[in-house]
Amino acid sequence: MALKVELKPGERIILGECVVTNDNQRTRLFIEGDAPILREKDIMTATTADSPSKRIYLAVQLMYLAKDASKFHKEYFALVGDFIKAAPSSLPLIEAVNNAILTNALYKALREAKALIAFEEELLKHAQRSTGVRSDSPEDGGPA
């Protein structure tokens, strides 16, 4: 059964080792075969990988697109080790990514890595809220 992909005008897609850019009208492609496929919205670049979780996603993406995913394992596991040290509560999410990689379900590993990005964003929001200065103590001139 073919995979149906609809592309917006100017949208790009990675198909195997090629980048395909749509022309100026909506296009529908039916893709048969076994090649890695990534829509533009799911593509991470070195420039956009600006956080630890996004660098992990990029490493998984490189595994997904590569003919030999194992050449990215060392970098991936180094990134994951650092992430777990900084955020031990991320371990269940990291395990989900690892399990997908170990079973060669690399597209699923990408989805799990997206969950890791959302988790990191929530951690950062929580940290920013927690460091807010409260002015309700007597030393700050607030109520006792």
N, C-alpha and C. Protein backbone atom coordinates (compact mmCIF):
# COMPACT_ATOMS: atom_id res chain seq x y z
N MET A 1 0.84 -1.19 0.00
CA MET A 1 0.00 0.00 0.00
C MET A 1 0.89 1.25 0.00
N ALA A 2 0.57 2.19 -0.82
CA ALA A 2 1.37 3.40 -0.99
C ALA A 2 1.06 4.42 0.12
N LEU A 3 2.07 5.19 0.47
CA LEU A 3 1.92 6.29 1.41
C LEU A 3 1.51 7.52 0.61
N LYS A 4 0.41 8.16 1.02
CA LYS A 4 -0.06 9.36 0.34
C LYS A 4 0.45 10.58 1.09
N VAL A 5 1.14 11.47 0.38
CA VAL A 5 1.68 12.70 0.97
C VAL A 5 1.18 13.86 0.15
N GLU A 6 0.55 14.83 0.82
CA GLU A 6 0.12 16.05 0.14
C GLU A 6 1.05 17.17 0.53
N LEU A 7 1.57 17.87 -0.47
CA LEU A 7 2.51 18.95 -0.25
C LEU A 7 1.88 20.29 -0.61
N LYS A 8 2.10 21.26 0.24
CA LYS A 8 1.65 22.63 -0.02
C LYS A 8 2.61 23.26 -1.03
N PRO A 9 2.20 24.35 -1.64
CA PRO A 9 3.11 25.04 -2.56
C PRO A 9 4.41 25.41 -1.85
N GLY A 10 5.53 25.06 -2.46
CA GLY A 10 6.85 25.38 -1.93
C GLY A 10 7.32 24.49 -0.79
N GLU A 11 6.49 23.55 -0.33
CA GLU A 11 6.88 22.67 0.79
C GLU A 11 7.94 21.68 0.33
N ARG A 12 8.84 21.37 1.28
CA ARG A 12 9.91 20.40 0.99
C ARG A 12 9.65 19.11 1.76
N ILE A 13 10.25 18.04 1.23
CA ILE A 13 10.16 16.73 1.87
C ILE A 13 11.49 16.02 1.59
N ILE A 14 11.95 15.28 2.58
CA ILE A 14 13.12 14.43 2.36
C ILE A 14 12.60 13.05 1.99
N LEU A 15 13.07 12.55 0.89
CA LEU A 15 12.67 11.24 0.39
C LEU A 15 13.94 10.46 0.13
N GLY A 16 14.27 9.56 1.05
CA GLY A 16 15.54 8.85 0.96
C GLY A 16 16.68 9.80 1.22
N GLU A 17 17.56 9.95 0.27
CA GLU A 17 18.68 10.88 0.40
C GLU A 17 18.46 12.14 -0.42
N CYS A 18 17.24 12.35 -0.89
CA CYS A 18 16.94 13.50 -1.74
C CYS A 18 15.98 14.47 -1.05
N VAL A 19 16.16 15.74 -1.33
CA VAL A 19 15.20 16.75 -0.89
C VAL A 19 14.35 17.10 -2.10
N VAL A 20 13.04 16.95 -1.94
CA VAL A 20 12.10 17.24 -3.01
C VAL A 20 11.36 18.52 -2.61
N THR A 21 11.34 19.51 -3.50
CA THR A 21 10.63 20.76 -3.25
C THR A 21 9.46 20.87 -4.20
N ASN A 22 8.29 21.10 -3.63
CA ASN A 22 7.09 21.23 -4.44
C ASN A 22 7.10 22.56 -5.20
N ASP A 23 6.44 22.59 -6.34
CA ASP A 23 6.33 23.80 -7.15
C ASP A 23 5.29 24.73 -6.51
N ASN A 24 4.61 25.51 -7.29
CA ASN A 24 3.73 26.54 -6.76
C ASN A 24 2.27 26.12 -6.63
N GLN A 25 1.98 24.84 -6.69
CA GLN A 25 0.61 24.38 -6.47
C GLN A 25 0.61 23.15 -5.59
N ARG A 26 -0.52 22.91 -4.95
CA ARG A 26 -0.67 21.74 -4.07
C ARG A 26 -0.45 20.46 -4.90
N THR A 27 0.26 19.50 -4.31
CA THR A 27 0.59 18.26 -5.01
C THR A 27 0.32 17.07 -4.11
N ARG A 28 -0.13 16.00 -4.69
CA ARG A 28 -0.34 14.75 -3.95
C ARG A 28 0.59 13.70 -4.55
N LEU A 29 1.40 13.09 -3.68
CA LEU A 29 2.31 12.03 -4.11
C LEU A 29 1.89 10.71 -3.48
N PHE A 30 2.03 9.64 -4.22
CA PHE A 30 1.84 8.30 -3.68
C PHE A 30 3.20 7.62 -3.74
N ILE A 31 3.72 7.28 -2.58
CA ILE A 31 5.08 6.76 -2.50
C ILE A 31 5.03 5.29 -2.10
N GLU A 32 5.64 4.46 -2.92
CA GLU A 32 5.73 3.03 -2.63
C GLU A 32 7.19 2.68 -2.44
N GLY A 33 7.45 1.77 -1.55
CA GLY A 33 8.83 1.34 -1.32
C GLY A 33 9.23 1.60 0.12
N ASP A 34 10.50 1.37 0.37
CA ASP A 34 11.02 1.47 1.73
C ASP A 34 12.15 2.48 1.77
N ALA A 35 11.79 3.75 1.92
CA ALA A 35 12.78 4.82 2.02
C ALA A 35 12.35 5.74 3.15
N PRO A 36 13.30 6.31 3.86
CA PRO A 36 12.91 7.26 4.90
C PRO A 36 12.28 8.51 4.29
N ILE A 37 11.22 8.99 4.92
CA ILE A 37 10.48 10.15 4.44
C ILE A 37 10.26 11.09 5.61
N LEU A 38 10.60 12.36 5.41
CA LEU A 38 10.35 13.38 6.44
C LEU A 38 9.76 14.61 5.79
N ARG A 39 8.66 15.08 6.34
CA ARG A 39 8.07 16.35 5.89
C ARG A 39 8.89 17.50 6.44
N GLU A 40 8.79 18.63 5.81
CA GLU A 40 9.55 19.81 6.21
C GLU A 40 9.32 20.17 7.67
N LYS A 41 8.10 20.07 8.16
CA LYS A 41 7.79 20.43 9.55
C LYS A 41 8.48 19.51 10.56
N ASP A 42 8.90 18.34 10.14
CA ASP A 42 9.56 17.38 11.03
C ASP A 42 11.08 17.38 10.90
N ILE A 43 11.60 18.21 10.01
CA ILE A 43 13.05 18.23 9.77
C ILE A 43 13.73 19.18 10.75
N MET A 44 14.73 18.68 11.43
CA MET A 44 15.55 19.48 12.35
C MET A 44 16.88 19.72 11.65
N THR A 45 17.37 20.94 11.73
CA THR A 45 18.69 21.26 11.17
C THR A 45 19.65 21.55 12.32
N ALA A 46 20.92 21.62 12.01
CA ALA A 46 21.92 21.94 13.04
C ALA A 46 21.63 23.32 13.63
N THR A 47 21.11 24.23 12.83
CA THR A 47 20.79 25.57 13.31
C THR A 47 19.59 25.57 14.25
N THR A 48 18.56 24.80 13.91
CA THR A 48 17.35 24.79 14.74
C THR A 48 17.47 23.87 15.95
N ALA A 49 18.50 23.04 16.00
CA ALA A 49 18.72 22.16 17.16
C ALA A 49 19.41 22.96 18.26
N ASP A 50 18.66 23.86 18.87
CA ASP A 50 19.22 24.83 19.81
C ASP A 50 18.97 24.50 21.28
N SER A 51 18.65 23.26 21.57
CA SER A 51 18.49 22.82 22.95
C SER A 51 18.94 21.36 23.04
N PRO A 52 19.19 20.86 24.24
CA PRO A 52 19.64 19.46 24.37
C PRO A 52 18.66 18.45 23.77
N SER A 53 17.36 18.64 24.01
CA SER A 53 16.39 17.67 23.47
C SER A 53 16.33 17.75 21.95
N LYS A 54 16.48 18.94 21.40
CA LYS A 54 16.47 19.07 19.94
C LYS A 54 17.72 18.47 19.32
N ARG A 55 18.84 18.52 20.03
CA ARG A 55 20.05 17.86 19.52
C ARG A 55 19.88 16.34 19.54
N ILE A 56 19.16 15.83 20.55
CA ILE A 56 18.85 14.40 20.58
C ILE A 56 17.95 14.06 19.39
N TYR A 57 16.93 14.87 19.14
CA TYR A 57 16.05 14.65 17.99
C TYR A 57 16.85 14.63 16.70
N LEU A 58 17.78 15.59 16.56
CA LEU A 58 18.61 15.65 15.36
C LEU A 58 19.44 14.38 15.19
N ALA A 59 19.99 13.87 16.29
CA ALA A 59 20.78 12.63 16.22
C ALA A 59 19.89 11.46 15.77
N VAL A 60 18.67 11.40 16.29
CA VAL A 60 17.75 10.33 15.89
C VAL A 60 17.36 10.51 14.42
N GLN A 61 17.14 11.74 14.01
CA GLN A 61 16.81 12.02 12.61
C GLN A 61 17.93 11.55 11.69
N LEU A 62 19.17 11.83 12.07
CA LEU A 62 20.31 11.39 11.26
C LEU A 62 20.36 9.87 11.18
N MET A 63 20.03 9.19 12.29
CA MET A 63 19.97 7.72 12.26
C MET A 63 18.90 7.25 11.29
N TYR A 64 17.72 7.90 11.37
CA TYR A 64 16.58 7.52 10.52
C TYR A 64 16.92 7.67 9.04
N LEU A 65 17.62 8.73 8.70
CA LEU A 65 17.91 9.01 7.29
C LEU A 65 19.14 8.26 6.76
N ALA A 66 19.98 7.76 7.66
CA ALA A 66 21.24 7.13 7.25
C ALA A 66 21.03 5.68 6.83
N LYS A 67 21.91 5.23 5.95
CA LYS A 67 21.91 3.82 5.58
C LYS A 67 22.46 2.99 6.73
N ASP A 68 23.41 3.56 7.49
CA ASP A 68 24.00 2.88 8.64
C ASP A 68 23.79 3.75 9.88
N ALA A 69 22.72 3.49 10.59
CA ALA A 69 22.35 4.30 11.75
C ALA A 69 23.37 4.20 12.88
N SER A 70 24.12 3.12 12.93
CA SER A 70 25.03 2.89 14.04
C SER A 70 26.14 3.94 14.12
N LYS A 71 26.45 4.61 13.02
CA LYS A 71 27.51 5.61 13.07
C LYS A 71 27.12 6.85 13.88
N PHE A 72 25.84 6.97 14.25
CA PHE A 72 25.39 8.09 15.07
C PHE A 72 25.11 7.69 16.52
N HIS A 73 25.27 6.41 16.84
CA HIS A 73 24.96 5.92 18.19
C HIS A 73 25.82 6.58 19.27
N LYS A 74 27.11 6.70 19.03
CA LYS A 74 28.01 7.26 20.04
C LYS A 74 27.60 8.68 20.42
N GLU A 75 27.36 9.51 19.42
CA GLU A 75 26.93 10.89 19.69
C GLU A 75 25.58 10.92 20.39
N TYR A 76 24.65 10.08 19.91
CA TYR A 76 23.32 10.02 20.52
C TYR A 76 23.41 9.66 22.00
N PHE A 77 24.14 8.61 22.33
CA PHE A 77 24.20 8.17 23.72
C PHE A 77 24.94 9.18 24.61
N ALA A 78 25.89 9.91 24.06
CA ALA A 78 26.54 10.98 24.83
C ALA A 78 25.53 12.08 25.15
N LEU A 79 24.74 12.47 24.16
CA LEU A 79 23.71 13.50 24.38
C LEU A 79 22.67 13.04 25.40
N VAL A 80 22.25 11.79 25.28
CA VAL A 80 21.25 11.24 26.20
C VAL A 80 21.80 11.18 27.62
N GLY A 81 23.05 10.76 27.77
CA GLY A 81 23.66 10.69 29.10
C GLY A 81 23.68 12.05 29.77
N ASP A 82 24.06 13.08 29.03
CA ASP A 82 24.06 14.44 29.58
C ASP A 82 22.65 14.89 29.95
N PHE A 83 21.68 14.55 29.10
CA PHE A 83 20.29 14.97 29.34
C PHE A 83 19.75 14.33 30.62
N ILE A 84 20.03 13.04 30.81
CA ILE A 84 19.54 12.34 32.01
C ILE A 84 20.19 12.92 33.27
N LYS A 85 21.47 13.27 33.18
CA LYS A 85 22.14 13.88 34.34
C LYS A 85 21.48 15.21 34.70
N ALA A 86 21.09 15.99 33.72
CA ALA A 86 20.48 17.30 33.95
C ALA A 86 19.01 17.17 34.35
N ALA A 87 18.32 16.16 33.84
CA ALA A 87 16.89 15.99 34.11
C ALA A 87 16.58 14.51 34.31
N PRO A 88 16.88 13.97 35.50
CA PRO A 88 16.65 12.54 35.75
C PRO A 88 15.20 12.09 35.53
N SER A 89 14.26 13.02 35.70
CA SER A 89 12.85 12.66 35.51
C SER A 89 12.51 12.36 34.05
N SER A 90 13.46 12.62 33.15
CA SER A 90 13.23 12.35 31.73
C SER A 90 13.47 10.88 31.37
N LEU A 91 13.94 10.09 32.32
CA LEU A 91 14.33 8.71 32.02
C LEU A 91 13.25 7.90 31.29
N PRO A 92 11.97 7.95 31.70
CA PRO A 92 10.97 7.17 30.95
C PRO A 92 10.86 7.58 29.48
N LEU A 93 10.99 8.87 29.21
CA LEU A 93 10.93 9.33 27.82
C LEU A 93 12.16 8.88 27.04
N ILE A 94 13.32 8.96 27.67
CA ILE A 94 14.56 8.50 27.03
C ILE A 94 14.48 7.01 26.75
N GLU A 95 13.94 6.25 27.70
CA GLU A 95 13.79 4.80 27.49
C GLU A 95 12.89 4.49 26.31
N ALA A 96 11.85 5.29 26.11
CA ALA A 96 10.95 5.08 24.96
C ALA A 96 11.71 5.31 23.65
N VAL A 97 12.52 6.36 23.61
CA VAL A 97 13.33 6.62 22.41
C VAL A 97 14.32 5.48 22.20
N ASN A 98 15.02 5.09 23.27
CA ASN A 98 16.01 4.00 23.18
C ASN A 98 15.38 2.71 22.68
N ASN A 99 14.21 2.36 23.23
CA ASN A 99 13.54 1.11 22.82
C ASN A 99 13.19 1.14 21.34
N ALA A 100 12.73 2.28 20.87
CA ALA A 100 12.40 2.39 19.44
C ALA A 100 13.66 2.24 18.59
N ILE A 101 14.76 2.83 19.04
CA ILE A 101 16.02 2.71 18.29
C ILE A 101 16.50 1.26 18.29
N LEU A 102 16.45 0.61 19.45
CA LEU A 102 16.93 -0.77 19.56
C LEU A 102 16.12 -1.74 18.73
N THR A 103 14.84 -1.43 18.49
CA THR A 103 14.00 -2.30 17.67
C THR A 103 13.97 -1.83 16.21
N ASN A 104 14.84 -0.88 15.89
CA ASN A 104 14.97 -0.33 14.54
C ASN A 104 13.68 0.35 14.05
N ALA A 105 12.89 0.85 14.99
CA ALA A 105 11.69 1.62 14.66
C ALA A 105 12.06 3.10 14.75
N LEU A 106 12.88 3.54 13.81
CA LEU A 106 13.48 4.87 13.91
C LEU A 106 12.48 6.00 13.70
N TYR A 107 11.44 5.80 12.89
CA TYR A 107 10.42 6.84 12.76
C TYR A 107 9.67 7.00 14.08
N LYS A 108 9.40 5.88 14.73
CA LYS A 108 8.76 5.94 16.05
C LYS A 108 9.70 6.63 17.05
N ALA A 109 10.99 6.39 16.95
CA ALA A 109 11.97 7.05 17.82
C ALA A 109 11.91 8.56 17.63
N LEU A 110 11.68 9.02 16.41
CA LEU A 110 11.52 10.46 16.15
C LEU A 110 10.31 11.01 16.88
N ARG A 111 9.21 10.29 16.83
CA ARG A 111 7.99 10.74 17.54
C ARG A 111 8.25 10.80 19.04
N GLU A 112 8.94 9.79 19.57
CA GLU A 112 9.26 9.78 21.00
C GLU A 112 10.19 10.93 21.35
N ALA A 113 11.12 11.26 20.46
CA ALA A 113 12.03 12.38 20.68
C ALA A 113 11.28 13.71 20.67
N LYS A 114 10.21 13.79 19.89
CA LYS A 114 9.37 15.01 19.93
C LYS A 114 8.72 15.17 21.30
N ALA A 115 8.34 14.06 21.91
CA ALA A 115 7.78 14.12 23.27
C ALA A 115 8.84 14.62 24.25
N LEU A 116 10.08 14.26 24.02
CA LEU A 116 11.18 14.72 24.86
C LEU A 116 11.37 16.24 24.72
N ILE A 117 11.20 16.76 23.52
CA ILE A 117 11.28 18.21 23.29
C ILE A 117 10.18 18.92 24.08
N ALA A 118 8.97 18.39 24.02
CA ALA A 118 7.85 19.00 24.77
C ALA A 118 8.12 18.94 26.28
N PHE A 119 8.68 17.83 26.73
CA PHE A 119 9.01 17.68 28.15
C PHE A 119 10.03 18.74 28.58
N GLU A 120 11.07 18.92 27.77
CA GLU A 120 12.09 19.91 28.08
C GLU A 120 11.49 21.32 28.13
N GLU A 121 10.61 21.63 27.20
CA GLU A 121 9.97 22.94 27.18
C GLU A 121 9.16 23.17 28.46
N GLU A 122 8.46 22.13 28.91
CA GLU A 122 7.70 22.23 30.17
C GLU A 122 8.63 22.43 31.36
N LEU A 123 9.74 21.70 31.39
CA LEU A 123 10.71 21.87 32.47
C LEU A 123 11.23 23.30 32.52
N LEU A 124 11.54 23.85 31.37
CA LEU A 124 12.06 25.22 31.31
C LEU A 124 11.00 26.23 31.75
N LYS A 125 9.75 26.03 31.34
CA LYS A 125 8.67 26.93 31.78
C LYS A 125 8.52 26.88 33.29
N HIS A 126 8.56 25.66 33.83
CA HIS A 126 8.42 25.48 35.28
C HIS A 126 9.59 26.16 36.01
N ALA A 127 10.79 26.00 35.49
CA ALA A 127 11.97 26.61 36.11
C ALA A 127 11.88 28.13 36.08
N GLN A 128 11.38 28.68 35.00
CA GLN A 128 11.24 30.13 34.89
C GLN A 128 10.20 30.66 35.88
N ARG A 129 9.10 29.92 36.05
CA ARG A 129 8.07 30.32 37.03
C ARG A 129 8.61 30.23 38.45
N SER A 130 9.42 29.21 38.71
CA SER A 130 9.95 28.98 40.05
C SER A 130 10.99 30.02 40.45
N THR A 131 11.65 30.63 39.52
CA THR A 131 12.69 31.60 39.86
C THR A 131 12.15 33.02 39.93
N GLY A 132 10.85 33.18 39.75
CA GLY A 132 10.25 34.51 39.85
C GLY A 132 10.40 35.03 41.28
N VAL A 133 10.66 36.32 41.43
CA VAL A 133 10.84 36.93 42.75
C VAL A 133 9.49 37.34 43.30
N ARG A 134 9.23 36.91 44.52
CA ARG A 134 7.98 37.27 45.19
C ARG A 134 8.24 38.46 46.11
N SER A 135 7.33 39.38 46.13
CA SER A 135 7.50 40.56 46.99
C SER A 135 6.47 40.58 48.10
N ASP A 136 6.23 39.42 48.74
CA ASP A 136 5.25 39.41 49.82
C ASP A 136 5.89 39.12 51.17
N SER A 137 7.21 39.23 51.29
CA SER A 137 7.85 39.04 52.59
C SER A 137 8.11 40.41 53.22
N PRO A 138 8.18 40.49 54.55
CA PRO A 138 8.39 41.78 55.21
C PRO A 138 9.67 42.47 54.76
N GLU A 139 10.73 41.70 54.42
CA GLU A 139 11.97 42.30 53.99
C GLU A 139 11.80 43.05 52.68
N ASP A 140 10.86 42.61 51.85
CA ASP A 140 10.65 43.23 50.55
C ASP A 140 9.60 44.34 50.60
N GLY A 141 9.12 44.63 51.79
CA GLY A 141 8.12 45.66 51.94
C GLY A 141 6.70 45.16 51.72
N GLY A 142 6.53 43.86 51.60
CA GLY A 142 5.20 43.27 51.41
C GLY A 142 4.58 42.94 52.75
N PRO A 143 3.39 42.36 52.75
CA PRO A 143 2.69 42.00 54.01
C PRO A 143 3.47 40.93 54.77
N ALA A 144 3.30 40.95 56.09
CA ALA A 144 4.00 39.99 56.95
C ALA A 144 3.33 38.66 57.00
